[in-house]
Amino acid sequence: MVIPGKCHCGNLSFTLVWEPAPDEIPARACGCSFCTKHGGVWTSNPSGALRVVVQDPSLVSRYSFGTQTAEFHTCSRCGIVPVVTSRIDGQLFAVVNVNAFEGVDPARIRRSAGVFDGEDTATRLARRKRNWIANVEYIEPQGT
């Protein structure tokens, strides 16, 4: 299954390849204040492949807070956060916001709460290595 997604204006877009196609797409509604305020509901497939394309990098804000181990990629033009990345041991991992999906039946998405309060940094990074998308290609034009 190929799942396209993008921010509202299309500056940040992604394609998530999820094989085999899932009957349901698990999604975690993170309870942190940032995700709550931005409507972040995240999914990942550790064996999937993600391609993120940025049209204008000057319009992408990268925000980190707390442990400073993840970057929330926010489109400065439309304010949407379609993807979060984390560099662990030199490898880029990512999750995508199901609210940025294009053409996916919302009934297919199985939402649950995600609570990660109290997790130390080592535990958090180990969880991401297990659960986040490990095959990530992040493309942005050079020299803009």
C-alpha atoms as a PDB file:
ATOM      1  CA  MET A   1       0.000   0.000   0.000  1.00  0.00           C
ATOM      2  CA  VAL A   2       1.313   3.438  -0.902  1.00  0.00           C
ATOM      3  CA  ILE A   3       0.084   6.196   1.409  1.00  0.00           C
ATOM      4  CA  PRO A   4       0.581   9.775   0.215  1.00  0.00           C
ATOM      5  CA  GLY A   5       0.434  12.684   2.612  1.00  0.00           C
ATOM      6  CA  LYS A   6       1.248  16.367   2.780  1.00  0.00           C
ATOM      7  CA  CYS A   7       0.869  19.564   4.707  1.00  0.00           C
ATOM      8  CA  HIS A   8      -2.085  21.765   3.707  1.00  0.00           C
ATOM      9  CA  CYS A   9      -0.167  23.816   1.106  1.00  0.00           C
ATOM     10  CA  GLY A  10       1.900  20.894  -0.217  1.00  0.00           C
ATOM     11  CA  ASN A  11       5.328  22.260   0.719  1.00  0.00           C
ATOM     12  CA  LEU A  12       6.045  19.150   2.840  1.00  0.00           C
ATOM     13  CA  SER A  13       4.854  15.909   1.285  1.00  0.00           C
ATOM     14  CA  PHE A  14       5.540  12.251   1.891  1.00  0.00           C
ATOM     15  CA  THR A  15       4.969   8.818   0.467  1.00  0.00           C
ATOM     16  CA  LEU A  16       4.820   5.902   2.891  1.00  0.00           C
ATOM     17  CA  VAL A  17       5.127   2.401   1.444  1.00  0.00           C
ATOM     18  CA  TRP A  18       3.452  -0.079   3.787  1.00  0.00           C
ATOM     19  CA  GLU A  19       3.628  -3.714   2.695  1.00  0.00           C
ATOM     20  CA  PRO A  20       1.683  -5.805   3.051  1.00  0.00           C
ATOM     21  CA  ALA A  21      -1.281  -3.440   3.052  1.00  0.00           C
ATOM     22  CA  PRO A  22      -2.706  -3.279   6.578  1.00  0.00           C
ATOM     23  CA  ASP A  23      -6.367  -3.910   7.328  1.00  0.00           C
ATOM     24  CA  GLU A  24      -6.052  -1.187   9.966  1.00  0.00           C
ATOM     25  CA  ILE A  25      -3.454   1.527  10.395  1.00  0.00           C
ATOM     26  CA  PRO A  26      -2.444   1.888  14.054  1.00  0.00           C
ATOM     27  CA  ALA A  27      -2.133   5.521  15.133  1.00  0.00           C
ATOM     28  CA  ARG A  28      -1.033   7.051  18.429  1.00  0.00           C
ATOM     29  CA  ALA A  29      -2.526  10.341  19.585  1.00  0.00           C
ATOM     30  CA  CYS A  30       0.398  11.634  21.614  1.00  0.00           C
ATOM     31  CA  GLY A  31      -0.608  13.311  24.858  1.00  0.00           C
ATOM     32  CA  CYS A  32       2.271  15.812  25.034  1.00  0.00           C
ATOM     33  CA  SER A  33       1.309  19.477  24.923  1.00  0.00           C
ATOM     34  CA  PHE A  34       2.862  20.039  21.466  1.00  0.00           C
ATOM     35  CA  CYS A  35       1.028  17.134  19.804  1.00  0.00           C
ATOM     36  CA  THR A  36      -2.208  17.950  21.596  1.00  0.00           C
ATOM     37  CA  LYS A  37      -2.091  21.550  20.351  1.00  0.00           C
ATOM     38  CA  HIS A  38      -1.131  20.488  16.798  1.00  0.00           C
ATOM     39  CA  GLY A  39      -3.403  17.461  16.479  1.00  0.00           C
ATOM     40  CA  GLY A  40      -0.478  15.053  16.160  1.00  0.00           C
ATOM     41  CA  VAL A  41      -1.655  11.491  15.585  1.00  0.00           C
ATOM     42  CA  TRP A  42       1.329   9.414  14.521  1.00  0.00           C
ATOM     43  CA  THR A  43       1.854   6.148  12.721  1.00  0.00           C
ATOM     44  CA  SER A  44       4.827   4.169  11.555  1.00  0.00           C
ATOM     45  CA  ASN A  45       5.690   0.838  10.060  1.00  0.00           C
ATOM     46  CA  PRO A  46       9.209  -0.260  11.042  1.00  0.00           C
ATOM     47  CA  SER A  47       9.532  -2.311   7.853  1.00  0.00           C
ATOM     48  CA  GLY A  48       8.035   0.409   5.654  1.00  0.00           C
ATOM     49  CA  ALA A  49       9.777   3.015   3.522  1.00  0.00           C
ATOM     50  CA  LEU A  50       9.214   6.765   3.753  1.00  0.00           C
ATOM     51  CA  ARG A  51      10.108   9.425   1.213  1.00  0.00           C
ATOM     52  CA  VAL A  52       9.734  13.037   2.377  1.00  0.00           C
ATOM     53  CA  VAL A  53       9.968  15.810  -0.203  1.00  0.00           C
ATOM     54  CA  VAL A  54      10.365  19.472   0.720  1.00  0.00           C
ATOM     55  CA  GLN A  55       9.600  22.034  -1.983  1.00  0.00           C
ATOM     56  CA  ASP A  56      10.946  25.119  -0.165  1.00  0.00           C
ATOM     57  CA  PRO A  57      13.199  24.368   2.834  1.00  0.00           C
ATOM     58  CA  SER A  58      13.056  28.022   3.939  1.00  0.00           C
ATOM     59  CA  LEU A  59       9.396  27.403   4.796  1.00  0.00           C
ATOM     60  CA  VAL A  60      10.093  24.432   7.071  1.00  0.00           C
ATOM     61  CA  SER A  61      10.621  24.988  10.759  1.00  0.00           C
ATOM     62  CA  ARG A  62      12.230  22.196  12.765  1.00  0.00           C
ATOM     63  CA  TYR A  63      11.213  22.219  16.392  1.00  0.00           C
ATOM     64  CA  SER A  64      12.686  20.120  19.198  1.00  0.00           C
ATOM     65  CA  PHE A  65      11.748  20.202  22.866  1.00  0.00           C
ATOM     66  CA  GLY A  66      12.080  18.068  25.976  1.00  0.00           C
ATOM     67  CA  THR A  67      14.849  15.541  25.335  1.00  0.00           C
ATOM     68  CA  GLN A  68      15.837  17.288  22.060  1.00  0.00           C
ATOM     69  CA  THR A  69      15.888  13.878  20.329  1.00  0.00           C
ATOM     70  CA  ALA A  70      13.123  14.454  17.769  1.00  0.00           C
ATOM     71  CA  GLU A  71      12.478  17.167  15.197  1.00  0.00           C
ATOM     72  CA  PHE A  72       8.934  18.193  14.359  1.00  0.00           C
ATOM     73  CA  HIS A  73       8.922  19.401  10.747  1.00  0.00           C
ATOM     74  CA  THR A  74       6.377  22.211  10.589  1.00  0.00           C
ATOM     75  CA  CYS A  75       5.403  24.024   7.422  1.00  0.00           C
ATOM     76  CA  SER A  76       5.775  27.741   8.145  1.00  0.00           C
ATOM     77  CA  ARG A  77       3.300  28.600   5.392  1.00  0.00           C
ATOM     78  CA  CYS A  78       0.308  26.504   6.536  1.00  0.00           C
ATOM     79  CA  GLY A  79       1.303  25.392  10.057  1.00  0.00           C
ATOM     80  CA  ILE A  80       0.864  21.638   9.558  1.00  0.00           C
ATOM     81  CA  VAL A  81       3.271  19.070  11.098  1.00  0.00           C
ATOM     82  CA  PRO A  82       3.205  16.047   8.748  1.00  0.00           C
ATOM     83  CA  VAL A  83       6.403  14.318   9.894  1.00  0.00           C
ATOM     84  CA  VAL A  84       8.703  13.893  12.884  1.00  0.00           C
ATOM     85  CA  THR A  85      12.263  12.603  12.576  1.00  0.00           C
ATOM     86  CA  SER A  86      14.827  11.326  15.039  1.00  0.00           C
ATOM     87  CA  ARG A  87      18.483  10.609  14.256  1.00  0.00           C
ATOM     88  CA  ILE A  88      19.604   7.584  16.285  1.00  0.00           C
ATOM     89  CA  ASP A  89      23.092   6.135  15.975  1.00  0.00           C
ATOM     90  CA  GLY A  90      23.548   7.987  12.678  1.00  0.00           C
ATOM     91  CA  GLN A  91      20.319   6.685  11.132  1.00  0.00           C
ATOM     92  CA  LEU A  92      17.211   8.745  10.427  1.00  0.00           C
ATOM     93  CA  PHE A  93      13.910   7.370  11.779  1.00  0.00           C
ATOM     94  CA  ALA A  94      10.469   8.918  11.299  1.00  0.00           C
ATOM     95  CA  VAL A  95       6.752   8.865  12.059  1.00  0.00           C
ATOM     96  CA  VAL A  96       4.010  10.516  10.012  1.00  0.00           C
ATOM     97  CA  ASN A  97       0.833  12.304  11.015  1.00  0.00           C
ATOM     98  CA  VAL A  98      -2.263  10.385   9.867  1.00  0.00           C
ATOM     99  CA  ASN A  99      -4.085  13.729   9.702  1.00  0.00           C
ATOM    100  CA  ALA A 100      -1.839  14.566   6.718  1.00  0.00           C
ATOM    101  CA  PHE A 101      -2.862  11.443   4.740  1.00  0.00           C
ATOM    102  CA  GLU A 102      -4.383  11.952   1.307  1.00  0.00           C
ATOM    103  CA  GLY A 103      -7.018   9.528   0.007  1.00  0.00           C
ATOM    104  CA  VAL A 104      -6.979   7.077   2.922  1.00  0.00           C
ATOM    105  CA  ASP A 105     -10.339   6.017   4.333  1.00  0.00           C
ATOM    106  CA  PRO A 106     -10.413   7.408   7.908  1.00  0.00           C
ATOM    107  CA  ALA A 107     -12.285   4.272   9.043  1.00  0.00           C
ATOM    108  CA  ARG A 108      -9.080   2.330   8.358  1.00  0.00           C
ATOM    109  CA  ILE A 109      -7.184   4.271  11.035  1.00  0.00           C
ATOM    110  CA  ARG A 110      -7.228   2.746  14.535  1.00  0.00           C
ATOM    111  CA  ARG A 111      -6.465   5.569  16.974  1.00  0.00           C
ATOM    112  CA  SER A 112      -5.214   5.055  20.501  1.00  0.00           C
ATOM    113  CA  ALA A 113      -3.587   7.231  23.123  1.00  0.00           C
ATOM    114  CA  GLY A 114       0.179   7.434  23.335  1.00  0.00           C
ATOM    115  CA  VAL A 115       1.641   8.372  26.698  1.00  0.00           C
ATOM    116  CA  PHE A 116       5.402   8.595  26.987  1.00  0.00           C
ATOM    117  CA  ASP A 117       5.741  10.669  30.161  1.00  0.00           C
ATOM    118  CA  GLY A 118       8.489   9.484  32.460  1.00  0.00           C
ATOM    119  CA  GLU A 119      10.399   7.718  29.704  1.00  0.00           C
ATOM    120  CA  ASP A 120      14.136   8.302  29.997  1.00  0.00           C
ATOM    121  CA  THR A 121      16.112   9.189  26.866  1.00  0.00           C
ATOM    122  CA  ALA A 122      17.654   5.740  26.359  1.00  0.00           C
ATOM    123  CA  THR A 123      14.257   4.036  26.627  1.00  0.00           C
ATOM    124  CA  ARG A 124      12.702   6.578  24.260  1.00  0.00           C
ATOM    125  CA  LEU A 125      15.389   6.101  21.602  1.00  0.00           C
ATOM    126  CA  ALA A 126      15.195   2.300  21.897  1.00  0.00           C
ATOM    127  CA  ARG A 127      11.394   2.461  21.410  1.00  0.00           C
ATOM    128  CA  ARG A 128      11.822   4.633  18.326  1.00  0.00           C
ATOM    129  CA  LYS A 129      14.414   2.259  16.850  1.00  0.00           C
ATOM    130  CA  ARG A 130      11.938  -0.612  17.288  1.00  0.00           C
ATOM    131  CA  ASN A 131       8.764   1.142  16.177  1.00  0.00           C
ATOM    132  CA  TRP A 132       9.532   4.066  13.876  1.00  0.00           C
ATOM    133  CA  ILE A 133      10.128   3.907  10.125  1.00  0.00           C
ATOM    134  CA  ALA A 134      13.808   3.092   9.590  1.00  0.00           C
ATOM    135  CA  ASN A 135      14.006   3.455   5.805  1.00  0.00           C
ATOM    136  CA  VAL A 136      13.702   7.244   5.435  1.00  0.00           C
ATOM    137  CA  GLU A 137      14.676   9.391   2.466  1.00  0.00           C
ATOM    138  CA  TYR A 138      14.452  13.140   3.145  1.00  0.00           C
ATOM    139  CA  ILE A 139      14.763  15.234  -0.008  1.00  0.00           C
ATOM    140  CA  GLU A 140      15.065  18.990  -0.173  1.00  0.00           C
ATOM    141  CA  PRO A 141      16.508  21.157  -2.922  1.00  0.00           C
ATOM    142  CA  GLN A 142      20.004  22.447  -2.279  1.00  0.00           C
ATOM    143  CA  GLY A 143      20.892  26.121  -2.450  1.00  0.00           C
ATOM    144  CA  THR A 144      17.445  27.593  -1.938  1.00  0.00           C
END
